[in-house]
C-alpha atoms as a PDB file:
ATOM      1  CA  MET A   1     -10.830 -17.056  14.210  1.00  0.00           C
ATOM      2  CA  THR A   2      -7.828 -18.509  12.388  1.00  0.00           C
ATOM      3  CA  GLU A   3      -4.653 -19.706  14.083  1.00  0.00           C
ATOM      4  CA  ALA A   4      -2.835 -16.735  12.541  1.00  0.00           C
ATOM      5  CA  SER A   5      -5.383 -14.373  14.089  1.00  0.00           C
ATOM      6  CA  ARG A   6      -4.872 -15.900  17.537  1.00  0.00           C
ATOM      7  CA  ARG A   7      -1.098 -15.609  17.257  1.00  0.00           C
ATOM      8  CA  ASP A   8      -0.760 -12.109  15.924  1.00  0.00           C
ATOM      9  CA  GLY A   9      -1.418 -10.296  19.192  1.00  0.00           C
ATOM     10  CA  GLY A  10      -2.629  -7.240  17.343  1.00  0.00           C
ATOM     11  CA  ARG A  11       0.356  -6.604  15.073  1.00  0.00           C
ATOM     12  CA  HIS A  12      -1.421  -6.381  11.734  1.00  0.00           C
ATOM     13  CA  VAL A  13      -1.955  -3.029   9.993  1.00  0.00           C
ATOM     14  CA  ILE A  14      -4.202  -2.869   6.907  1.00  0.00           C
ATOM     15  CA  VAL A  15      -3.987   0.146   4.601  1.00  0.00           C
ATOM     16  CA  THR A  16      -6.305   0.795   1.675  1.00  0.00           C
ATOM     17  CA  GLY A  17      -4.762   3.088  -0.888  1.00  0.00           C
ATOM     18  CA  GLY A  18      -1.428   1.829   0.404  1.00  0.00           C
ATOM     19  CA  SER A  19       0.471   1.965  -2.885  1.00  0.00           C
ATOM     20  CA  SER A  20       1.126   5.725  -2.831  1.00  0.00           C
ATOM     21  CA  GLY A  21       0.867   8.950  -0.898  1.00  0.00           C
ATOM     22  CA  ILE A  22      -0.204   9.023   2.725  1.00  0.00           C
ATOM     23  CA  GLY A  23      -1.184   5.341   2.767  1.00  0.00           C
ATOM     24  CA  LYS A  24       2.235   4.164   1.624  1.00  0.00           C
ATOM     25  CA  ALA A  25       3.979   6.493   4.066  1.00  0.00           C
ATOM     26  CA  VAL A  26       1.940   5.089   6.961  1.00  0.00           C
ATOM     27  CA  ALA A  27       2.663   1.520   5.814  1.00  0.00           C
ATOM     28  CA  ARG A  28       6.407   2.275   5.809  1.00  0.00           C
ATOM     29  CA  LEU A  29       6.281   3.598   9.369  1.00  0.00           C
ATOM     30  CA  TYR A  30       4.485   0.552  10.720  1.00  0.00           C
ATOM     31  CA  ALA A  31       6.703  -1.839   8.755  1.00  0.00           C
ATOM     32  CA  ALA A  32       9.776  -0.224  10.330  1.00  0.00           C
ATOM     33  CA  GLU A  33       8.270  -1.199  13.706  1.00  0.00           C
ATOM     34  CA  GLY A  34       8.089  -4.841  12.606  1.00  0.00           C
ATOM     35  CA  ARG A  35       4.323  -4.961  12.051  1.00  0.00           C
ATOM     36  CA  GLU A  36       2.544  -7.228   9.641  1.00  0.00           C
ATOM     37  CA  VAL A  37       1.358  -4.840   6.913  1.00  0.00           C
ATOM     38  CA  THR A  38      -1.263  -5.341   4.217  1.00  0.00           C
ATOM     39  CA  ILE A  39      -1.687  -2.776   1.454  1.00  0.00           C
ATOM     40  CA  LEU A  40      -4.582  -2.754  -0.964  1.00  0.00           C
ATOM     41  CA  ALA A  41      -4.821  -0.764  -4.200  1.00  0.00           C
ATOM     42  CA  ARG A  42      -5.993  -1.225  -7.775  1.00  0.00           C
ATOM     43  CA  ARG A  43      -2.790  -1.681  -9.791  1.00  0.00           C
ATOM     44  CA  PRO A  44      -0.599  -4.762  -9.237  1.00  0.00           C
ATOM     45  CA  ASP A  45       2.510  -3.126 -10.738  1.00  0.00           C
ATOM     46  CA  VAL A  46       2.297  -0.094  -8.432  1.00  0.00           C
ATOM     47  CA  LEU A  47       1.549  -2.373  -5.483  1.00  0.00           C
ATOM     48  CA  GLU A  48       4.725  -4.351  -6.153  1.00  0.00           C
ATOM     49  CA  GLN A  49       6.819  -1.174  -6.256  1.00  0.00           C
ATOM     50  CA  ALA A  50       5.240  -0.048  -3.003  1.00  0.00           C
ATOM     51  CA  ARG A  51       5.913  -3.428  -1.370  1.00  0.00           C
ATOM     52  CA  GLU A  52       9.604  -3.112  -2.228  1.00  0.00           C
ATOM     53  CA  GLU A  53       9.726   0.356  -0.652  1.00  0.00           C
ATOM     54  CA  ILE A  54       7.898  -0.815   2.450  1.00  0.00           C
ATOM     55  CA  ASP A  55      10.199  -3.810   2.860  1.00  0.00           C
ATOM     56  CA  ARG A  56      13.258  -1.565   2.538  1.00  0.00           C
ATOM     57  CA  ALA A  57      11.845   0.545   5.359  1.00  0.00           C
ATOM     58  CA  ARG A  58      11.200  -2.654   7.337  1.00  0.00           C
ATOM     59  CA  GLY A  59      14.853  -3.674   7.173  1.00  0.00           C
ATOM     60  CA  THR A  60      15.524  -6.310   9.815  1.00  0.00           C
ATOM     61  CA  ALA A  61      12.612  -5.338  12.052  1.00  0.00           C
ATOM     62  CA  GLY A  62      10.657  -8.465  11.134  1.00  0.00           C
ATOM     63  CA  GLY A  63       7.145  -8.968   9.833  1.00  0.00           C
ATOM     64  CA  HIS A  64       5.832  -9.266   6.298  1.00  0.00           C
ATOM     65  CA  THR A  65       4.132  -7.135   3.669  1.00  0.00           C
ATOM     66  CA  LEU A  66       1.072  -8.497   1.877  1.00  0.00           C
ATOM     67  CA  THR A  67      -0.376  -6.879  -1.245  1.00  0.00           C
ATOM     68  CA  PHE A  68      -3.840  -7.250  -2.753  1.00  0.00           C
ATOM     69  CA  ALA A  69      -5.104  -5.706  -5.972  1.00  0.00           C
ATOM     70  CA  ALA A  70      -8.706  -4.569  -5.607  1.00  0.00           C
ATOM     71  CA  ASP A  71     -10.870  -1.515  -6.208  1.00  0.00           C
ATOM     72  CA  VAL A  72     -12.272  -0.280  -2.885  1.00  0.00           C
ATOM     73  CA  ALA A  73     -15.554   0.530  -4.651  1.00  0.00           C
ATOM     74  CA  ASP A  74     -15.969  -3.209  -5.381  1.00  0.00           C
ATOM     75  CA  ARG A  75     -17.427  -4.572  -2.147  1.00  0.00           C
ATOM     76  CA  ASP A  76     -17.002  -8.230  -3.060  1.00  0.00           C
ATOM     77  CA  GLY A  77     -13.415  -7.713  -4.194  1.00  0.00           C
ATOM     78  CA  VAL A  78     -12.461  -5.804  -1.050  1.00  0.00           C
ATOM     79  CA  THR A  79     -14.146  -8.360   1.200  1.00  0.00           C
ATOM     80  CA  ALA A  80     -12.355 -11.284  -0.451  1.00  0.00           C
ATOM     81  CA  ALA A  81      -8.974  -9.531  -0.339  1.00  0.00           C
ATOM     82  CA  LEU A  82      -9.183  -8.431   3.289  1.00  0.00           C
ATOM     83  CA  ASN A  83     -10.582 -11.763   4.445  1.00  0.00           C
ATOM     84  CA  GLN A  84      -7.519 -13.384   2.900  1.00  0.00           C
ATOM     85  CA  ALA A  85      -5.243 -10.836   4.556  1.00  0.00           C
ATOM     86  CA  ILE A  86      -6.787 -11.588   7.946  1.00  0.00           C
ATOM     87  CA  THR A  87      -6.426 -15.319   7.347  1.00  0.00           C
ATOM     88  CA  GLU A  88      -2.720 -14.880   6.583  1.00  0.00           C
ATOM     89  CA  ALA A  89      -1.722 -12.189   9.082  1.00  0.00           C
ATOM     90  CA  GLY A  90      -4.426 -12.064  11.723  1.00  0.00           C
ATOM     91  CA  SER A  91      -7.065  -9.559  12.746  1.00  0.00           C
ATOM     92  CA  ALA A  92      -6.144  -5.953  12.109  1.00  0.00           C
ATOM     93  CA  GLU A  93      -4.789  -3.852  14.957  1.00  0.00           C
ATOM     94  CA  VAL A  94      -5.272  -0.831  12.692  1.00  0.00           C
ATOM     95  CA  LEU A  95      -7.336  -0.339   9.556  1.00  0.00           C
ATOM     96  CA  LEU A  96      -6.391   2.860   7.726  1.00  0.00           C
ATOM     97  CA  THR A  97      -8.755   3.775   4.895  1.00  0.00           C
ATOM     98  CA  SER A  98      -6.744   6.173   2.752  1.00  0.00           C
ATOM     99  CA  ALA A  99      -7.901   5.200  -0.726  1.00  0.00           C
ATOM    100  CA  GLY A 100      -9.576   8.158  -2.370  1.00  0.00           C
ATOM    101  CA  ILE A 101      -9.979  10.265  -5.481  1.00  0.00           C
ATOM    102  CA  VAL A 102     -10.685  13.929  -6.126  1.00  0.00           C
ATOM    103  CA  GLU A 103     -12.011  15.530  -9.289  1.00  0.00           C
ATOM    104  CA  PRO A 104     -12.273  19.305  -8.832  1.00  0.00           C
ATOM    105  CA  GLY A 105     -14.193  21.562 -11.171  1.00  0.00           C
ATOM    106  CA  TYR A 106     -17.076  23.987 -11.523  1.00  0.00           C
ATOM    107  CA  PHE A 107     -20.338  22.399 -10.445  1.00  0.00           C
ATOM    108  CA  GLN A 108     -22.030  22.884 -13.820  1.00  0.00           C
ATOM    109  CA  ASP A 109     -19.070  21.362 -15.659  1.00  0.00           C
ATOM    110  CA  LEU A 110     -18.777  18.186 -13.594  1.00  0.00           C
ATOM    111  CA  PRO A 111     -20.764  15.268 -15.032  1.00  0.00           C
ATOM    112  CA  PRO A 112     -23.056  13.330 -12.695  1.00  0.00           C
ATOM    113  CA  GLU A 113     -20.702  10.373 -13.050  1.00  0.00           C
ATOM    114  CA  SER A 114     -17.984  12.338 -11.244  1.00  0.00           C
ATOM    115  CA  PHE A 115     -20.196  12.844  -8.190  1.00  0.00           C
ATOM    116  CA  ASP A 116     -21.090   9.155  -8.205  1.00  0.00           C
ATOM    117  CA  ARG A 117     -17.504   7.983  -8.710  1.00  0.00           C
ATOM    118  CA  GLN A 118     -16.079  10.053  -5.882  1.00  0.00           C
ATOM    119  CA  MET A 119     -18.779   8.928  -3.455  1.00  0.00           C
ATOM    120  CA  ARG A 120     -18.306   5.280  -4.408  1.00  0.00           C
ATOM    121  CA  VAL A 121     -14.545   5.419  -3.826  1.00  0.00           C
ATOM    122  CA  ASN A 122     -14.191   7.871  -0.949  1.00  0.00           C
ATOM    123  CA  TYR A 123     -17.217   6.969   1.146  1.00  0.00           C
ATOM    124  CA  PHE A 124     -18.464   3.547   0.109  1.00  0.00           C
ATOM    125  CA  GLY A 125     -14.886   2.358  -0.387  1.00  0.00           C
ATOM    126  CA  THR A 126     -14.284   3.152   3.277  1.00  0.00           C
ATOM    127  CA  LEU A 127     -17.497   1.378   4.275  1.00  0.00           C
ATOM    128  CA  ASN A 128     -16.514  -1.712   2.300  1.00  0.00           C
ATOM    129  CA  ALA A 129     -13.180  -2.000   4.096  1.00  0.00           C
ATOM    130  CA  ILE A 130     -14.732  -1.470   7.540  1.00  0.00           C
ATOM    131  CA  HIS A 131     -17.376  -4.122   6.902  1.00  0.00           C
ATOM    132  CA  ALA A 132     -14.631  -6.556   5.898  1.00  0.00           C
ATOM    133  CA  VAL A 133     -12.382  -6.145   8.959  1.00  0.00           C
ATOM    134  CA  LEU A 134     -14.903  -5.431  11.713  1.00  0.00           C
ATOM    135  CA  PRO A 135     -16.021  -9.017  12.499  1.00  0.00           C
ATOM    136  CA  ALA A 136     -12.470 -10.132  13.335  1.00  0.00           C
ATOM    137  CA  MET A 137     -11.836  -6.979  15.384  1.00  0.00           C
ATOM    138  CA  ARG A 138     -15.030  -7.620  17.335  1.00  0.00           C
ATOM    139  CA  GLU A 139     -14.084 -11.239  17.945  1.00  0.00           C
ATOM    140  CA  ARG A 140     -10.707 -10.182  19.325  1.00  0.00           C
ATOM    141  CA  GLY A 141     -12.216  -7.287  21.237  1.00  0.00           C
ATOM    142  CA  SER A 142      -9.739  -4.653  20.071  1.00  0.00           C
ATOM    143  CA  GLY A 143      -8.552  -2.638  17.095  1.00  0.00           C
ATOM    144  CA  ARG A 144      -8.758   0.857  15.658  1.00  0.00           C
ATOM    145  CA  ILE A 145     -10.436   2.102  12.490  1.00  0.00           C
ATOM    146  CA  VAL A 146      -8.787   5.202  11.045  1.00  0.00           C
ATOM    147  CA  MET A 147     -10.604   7.059   8.259  1.00  0.00           C
ATOM    148  CA  VAL A 148      -8.736   9.606   6.162  1.00  0.00           C
ATOM    149  CA  SER A 149     -11.003  12.570   5.506  1.00  0.00           C
ATOM    150  CA  SER A 150      -9.672  16.031   4.582  1.00  0.00           C
ATOM    151  CA  GLY A 151      -9.804  19.659   5.590  1.00  0.00           C
ATOM    152  CA  ALA A 152     -12.522  19.630   2.918  1.00  0.00           C
ATOM    153  CA  GLY A 153     -14.484  17.405   5.290  1.00  0.00           C
ATOM    154  CA  LEU A 154     -14.754  20.312   7.731  1.00  0.00           C
ATOM    155  CA  ILE A 155     -15.625  23.196   5.405  1.00  0.00           C
ATOM    156  CA  GLY A 156     -17.047  23.362   1.908  1.00  0.00           C
ATOM    157  CA  ILE A 157     -14.563  24.738  -0.618  1.00  0.00           C
ATOM    158  CA  PHE A 158     -15.138  26.355  -4.020  1.00  0.00           C
ATOM    159  CA  GLY A 159     -14.509  23.821  -6.798  1.00  0.00           C
ATOM    160  CA  TYR A 160     -15.006  20.745  -4.620  1.00  0.00           C
ATOM    161  CA  THR A 161     -18.768  20.258  -4.902  1.00  0.00           C
ATOM    162  CA  ALA A 162     -18.304  16.568  -5.744  1.00  0.00           C
ATOM    163  CA  TYR A 163     -15.437  15.943  -3.326  1.00  0.00           C
ATOM    164  CA  CYS A 164     -16.399  17.777  -0.124  1.00  0.00           C
ATOM    165  CA  PRO A 165     -19.649  15.823   0.440  1.00  0.00           C
ATOM    166  CA  THR A 166     -17.722  12.535   0.366  1.00  0.00           C
ATOM    167  CA  LYS A 167     -15.382  13.755   3.090  1.00  0.00           C
ATOM    168  CA  PHE A 168     -18.222  15.263   5.130  1.00  0.00           C
ATOM    169  CA  ALA A 169     -19.866  11.832   4.931  1.00  0.00           C
ATOM    170  CA  LEU A 170     -16.799  10.218   6.472  1.00  0.00           C
ATOM    171  CA  ARG A 171     -16.945  12.669   9.346  1.00  0.00           C
ATOM    172  CA  GLY A 172     -20.558  11.717  10.018  1.00  0.00           C
ATOM    173  CA  LEU A 173     -19.714   8.023   9.812  1.00  0.00           C
ATOM    174  CA  ALA A 174     -16.792   8.342  12.216  1.00  0.00           C
ATOM    175  CA  GLU A 175     -18.745  10.398  14.734  1.00  0.00           C
ATOM    176  CA  SER A 176     -21.659   7.944  14.623  1.00  0.00           C
ATOM    177  CA  LEU A 177     -19.548   4.797  14.714  1.00  0.00           C
ATOM    178  CA  ARG A 178     -17.256   5.932  17.549  1.00  0.00           C
ATOM    179  CA  GLY A 179     -19.799   5.424  20.329  1.00  0.00           C
ATOM    180  CA  GLU A 180     -21.224   2.231  18.872  1.00  0.00           C
ATOM    181  CA  LEU A 181     -17.869   0.460  18.608  1.00  0.00           C
ATOM    182  CA  ARG A 182     -16.486   1.716  21.907  1.00  0.00           C
ATOM    183  CA  ARG A 183     -18.390  -0.965  23.813  1.00  0.00           C
ATOM    184  CA  ASP A 184     -16.638  -3.605  21.665  1.00  0.00           C
ATOM    185  CA  GLY A 185     -13.180  -2.310  22.602  1.00  0.00           C
ATOM    186  CA  ILE A 186     -12.666  -0.838  19.113  1.00  0.00           C
ATOM    187  CA  GLY A 187     -11.490   2.733  18.639  1.00  0.00           C
ATOM    188  CA  VAL A 188     -12.334   5.088  15.789  1.00  0.00           C
ATOM    189  CA  SER A 189     -10.236   7.970  14.482  1.00  0.00           C
ATOM    190  CA  ILE A 190     -10.740  10.415  11.642  1.00  0.00           C
ATOM    191  CA  VAL A 191      -7.863  12.256   9.993  1.00  0.00           C
ATOM    192  CA  TYR A 192      -8.142  15.740   8.528  1.00  0.00           C
ATOM    193  CA  PRO A 193      -4.959  16.147   6.469  1.00  0.00           C
ATOM    194  CA  PRO A 194      -4.053  19.473   4.912  1.00  0.00           C
ATOM    195  CA  ASP A 195      -2.980  19.524   1.263  1.00  0.00           C
ATOM    196  CA  THR A 196      -0.266  16.882   1.015  1.00  0.00           C
ATOM    197  CA  ASP A 197       2.468  16.476  -1.587  1.00  0.00           C
ATOM    198  CA  THR A 198       1.256  13.292  -3.276  1.00  0.00           C
ATOM    199  CA  PRO A 199       0.715  12.104  -6.846  1.00  0.00           C
ATOM    200  CA  GLN A 200      -2.998  12.741  -6.335  1.00  0.00           C
ATOM    201  CA  LEU A 201      -2.447  16.405  -5.432  1.00  0.00           C
ATOM    202  CA  ARG A 202      -0.215  16.930  -8.450  1.00  0.00           C
ATOM    203  CA  GLU A 203      -2.879  15.421 -10.712  1.00  0.00           C
ATOM    204  CA  GLU A 204      -5.646  17.385  -9.010  1.00  0.00           C
ATOM    205  CA  ASN A 205      -3.799  20.667  -9.541  1.00  0.00           C
ATOM    206  CA  LYS A 206      -4.069  20.178 -13.304  1.00  0.00           C
ATOM    207  CA  THR A 207      -7.839  20.687 -13.278  1.00  0.00           C
ATOM    208  CA  LYS A 208      -8.486  22.945 -10.282  1.00  0.00           C
ATOM    209  CA  PRO A 209     -10.455  26.093 -11.097  1.00  0.00           C
ATOM    210  CA  ALA A 210      -8.466  29.301 -10.647  1.00  0.00           C
ATOM    211  CA  GLU A 211     -10.563  30.198  -7.617  1.00  0.00           C
ATOM    212  CA  THR A 212      -9.795  26.851  -5.969  1.00  0.00           C
ATOM    213  CA  LYS A 213      -6.078  27.320  -6.570  1.00  0.00           C
ATOM    214  CA  ALA A 214      -6.248  30.749  -4.948  1.00  0.00           C
ATOM    215  CA  ILE A 215      -8.018  29.381  -1.882  1.00  0.00           C
ATOM    216  CA  THR A 216      -5.926  26.256  -1.372  1.00  0.00           C
ATOM    217  CA  GLY A 217      -2.672  27.912  -2.374  1.00  0.00           C
ATOM    218  CA  SER A 218      -2.647  30.018   0.789  1.00  0.00           C
ATOM    219  CA  ALA A 219      -2.080  26.974   3.020  1.00  0.00           C
ATOM    220  CA  LYS A 220       1.096  25.020   3.710  1.00  0.00           C
ATOM    221  CA  VAL A 221       1.551  21.796   1.753  1.00  0.00           C
ATOM    222  CA  TRP A 222       2.655  18.923   3.966  1.00  0.00           C
ATOM    223  CA  SER A 223       4.809  15.946   3.059  1.00  0.00           C
ATOM    224  CA  ALA A 224       3.206  12.498   3.085  1.00  0.00           C
ATOM    225  CA  ASP A 225       5.760  11.415   5.695  1.00  0.00           C
ATOM    226  CA  GLY A 226       4.788  14.316   7.956  1.00  0.00           C
ATOM    227  CA  VAL A 227       1.104  13.432   7.783  1.00  0.00           C
ATOM    228  CA  ALA A 228       1.923   9.739   8.310  1.00  0.00           C
ATOM    229  CA  ARG A 229       3.829  10.531  11.514  1.00  0.00           C
ATOM    230  CA  ALA A 230       0.894  12.579  12.763  1.00  0.00           C
ATOM    231  CA  ILE A 231      -1.442   9.652  12.057  1.00  0.00           C
ATOM    232  CA  ARG A 232       0.787   7.109  13.800  1.00  0.00           C
ATOM    233  CA  ASP A 233       1.180   9.372  16.838  1.00  0.00           C
ATOM    234  CA  GLY A 234      -2.553  10.141  16.956  1.00  0.00           C
ATOM    235  CA  VAL A 235      -3.404   6.431  16.805  1.00  0.00           C
ATOM    236  CA  ALA A 236      -0.900   5.687  19.591  1.00  0.00           C
ATOM    237  CA  ARG A 237      -2.586   8.331  21.767  1.00  0.00           C
ATOM    238  CA  GLY A 238      -6.071   7.051  20.962  1.00  0.00           C
ATOM    239  CA  ARG A 239      -7.200  10.360  19.500  1.00  0.00           C
ATOM    240  CA  PHE A 240     -10.519  10.589  17.702  1.00  0.00           C
ATOM    241  CA  ALA A 241      -9.699  13.623  15.544  1.00  0.00           C
ATOM    242  CA  ILE A 242      -6.195  13.603  14.103  1.00  0.00           C
ATOM    243  CA  THR A 243      -5.329  17.049  12.769  1.00  0.00           C
ATOM    244  CA  PRO A 244      -1.802  17.524  11.372  1.00  0.00           C
ATOM    245  CA  GLY A 245      -0.641  21.108  11.893  1.00  0.00           C
ATOM    246  CA  TRP A 246      -2.139  24.088  13.689  1.00  0.00           C
ATOM    247  CA  GLU A 247      -4.364  25.074  10.752  1.00  0.00           C
ATOM    248  CA  MET A 248      -6.254  21.784  10.736  1.00  0.00           C
ATOM    249  CA  THR A 249      -6.288  21.672  14.542  1.00  0.00           C
ATOM    250  CA  TRP A 250      -8.007  25.026  14.868  1.00  0.00           C
ATOM    251  CA  LEU A 251     -10.254  24.381  11.889  1.00  0.00           C
ATOM    252  CA  ALA A 252     -11.458  21.137  13.479  1.00  0.00           C
ATOM    253  CA  ARG A 253     -12.138  22.891  16.776  1.00  0.00           C
ATOM    254  CA  LEU A 254     -13.691  26.105  15.535  1.00  0.00           C
ATOM    255  CA  HIS A 255     -14.975  25.496  12.002  1.00  0.00           C
ATOM    256  CA  SER A 256     -18.600  26.228  12.874  1.00  0.00           C
ATOM    257  CA  LEU A 257     -17.731  29.422  14.734  1.00  0.00           C
ATOM    258  CA  ILE A 258     -15.355  30.809  12.122  1.00  0.00           C
ATOM    259  CA  ARG A 259     -17.349  29.695   9.099  1.00  0.00           C
ATOM    260  CA  PRO A 260     -18.672  33.213   8.293  1.00  0.00           C
ATOM    261  CA  ILE A 261     -15.147  34.669   8.473  1.00  0.00           C
ATOM    262  CA  LEU A 262     -13.777  31.929   6.216  1.00  0.00           C
ATOM    263  CA  ASP A 263     -16.637  32.432   3.758  1.00  0.00           C
ATOM    264  CA  ARG A 264     -15.806  36.118   3.383  1.00  0.00           C
ATOM    265  CA  HIS A 265     -12.086  35.416   3.040  1.00  0.00           C
ATOM    266  CA  PHE A 266     -12.531  32.647   0.472  1.00  0.00           C
ATOM    267  CA  ASP A 267     -15.095  34.682  -1.487  1.00  0.00           C
ATOM    268  CA  GLY A 268     -12.562  37.498  -1.733  1.00  0.00           C
ATOM    269  CA  LEU A 269      -9.871  35.146  -3.005  1.00  0.00           C
ATOM    270  CA  ALA A 270     -12.296  33.666  -5.540  1.00  0.00           C
ATOM    271  CA  ARG A 271     -13.307  37.111  -6.817  1.00  0.00           C
ATOM    272  CA  LYS A 272      -9.691  38.118  -7.373  1.00  0.00           C
ATOM    273  CA  ALA A 273      -8.864  34.827  -9.105  1.00  0.00           C
ATOM    274  CA  GLY A 274     -11.944  35.158 -11.310  1.00  0.00           C
ATOM    275  CA  GLY A 275     -11.086  38.678 -12.419  1.00  0.00           C
ATOM    276  CA  GLY A 276     -13.286  40.422  -9.886  1.00  0.00           C
ATOM    277  CA  SER A 277     -16.612  38.959 -10.966  1.00  0.00           C
ATOM    278  CA  GLY A 278     -16.363  35.652  -9.109  1.00  0.00           C
ATOM    279  CA  GLU A 279     -16.434  33.876 -12.486  1.00  0.00           C
ATOM    280  CA  GLY A 280     -13.142  32.286 -13.517  1.00  0.00           C
ATOM    281  CA  ARG A 281     -14.537  30.627 -16.633  1.00  0.00           C
ATOM    282  CA  GLN A 282     -14.180  32.264 -20.023  1.00  0.00           C
END
């Protein structure tokens, strides 16, 4: 363990996908508390803009913001970046894996590369970050891994045949890893955010099938700051499942029981959006 790791006392928060959306909002909250914050994303220019925002939120609270440009799907790149972050700022108190992509569409229209790309970023990107930070957490005997899934990680949704499996996979990983890491003093949380007003959602809305828009449009859209506060509070309480809002809370608790009801409701919305036939494509 480095000297920095021994000194930090668990004040380092690492956020993948920290240059925008939920990840950046979480980074701002922890920076305002004076934490050491590392954000990782692909684009150096966007990272620099995010760092400036995070440091403005930090004000005079103390601490520093580190930025690393890397693609979470690149295991070697992520490992090198996060090893450097740990060397400079110490072992992570919190790792938040919020980097992700979504490419909605009809199953038959999505190329195989889309399925592969979303799994590599959303699932294996999370794995890569966990592998990188876990040894230092284990050596210190504390820390919390927080995986950002989705409401689409609880129920399958029309138009998300490539996306939902990646978020279901995170749920399985979190549930499996929770018990294994508990004996090392490391906590695991999984977040099920509702639709959140982020650049990703705005881009996603451009290609959603009509049926998907009808289904997702019936739910409240949260702000990134609102979801970030729910994550911070859930981490502070040591919660495994972090579910912003009553809709996600009840969905997480009852999804298996209410699945048939949701299927009928969503099928009805899809039929209306598709002109009554269930087919929205012309």
